[in-house]
Amino acid sequence: MEKVDYKTELKHLYKPSGKDVSEIDVPRMNFLMADGEGDPNNSQAFQDAIEALFSLSYALKFMVKKGEAAVDFGVMPLEGLWWMDDMSAFDLQSKAQWKWTLMIMQPELITGLLFEDALAQVKKKKNLAALPNVRFEAYKEGKAAQIMHIGPFAEEGPTVEKIHNFIQEKSFSPSGKHHEIYLSDFRKTAPEKLKTIIRQPYK
């Protein structure tokens, strides 16, 4: 059986430096996605979305492992796109006005048909509130700057500022949505040990 570590294969996207901002070009990739809005710290919809996304991701993993492809791969980390209708007003303190899309990247061998099969399979086993809200969709981010942040989410400010300064120094301007990739399970990991990739597309 073939084993694939997509985090290693996509090292430039999922294992950035924690010291220096790096420039990347993020290709079109497929994701499971679920949308919502409001402060994630007190949103049941946020927690429900996480549960649905991981339940489907693991269902797909085992379907592929046991299927004709016989490929064993690790489920990719949770990611979040964050924005406000007026991005000029977006900051880390305005959480009540935030909108978000939570997502988990899926390998190329995952198809729309497999997603529909996994959806039906999980629906039979679990009554998950956010399951009907999950979609399978391609997303191309393009040019972006990113860096690893280690520590609490509340202390991300200087890291975000470092990325925006980097983009400005290159004579580019931020575009798209604030993007975070959660390499740690923030439901179980001590805040000071959290590893989060901070990514900002630019044009």
Foldseek 3Di string as FASTA:
>chain_A
DAEDEVCVVVVVVNPFAQPDKDKDFFFKFKKKKFKDAAACVPDPLNVLRVVLRVQLQVLLQVCCCPDPVNYHYDWFFKKKWKAAPPRVPDDPVPRGRIIMMIITTDDPVDDPVSSVVSLVVVVVVDDGPCSVRIDMDIDGQTIKMKHKDAFAPVPCVVVVVNRQVVCVVVVKHFDGTWMKTWPDDVVPDDRRGTIIMTMTHID
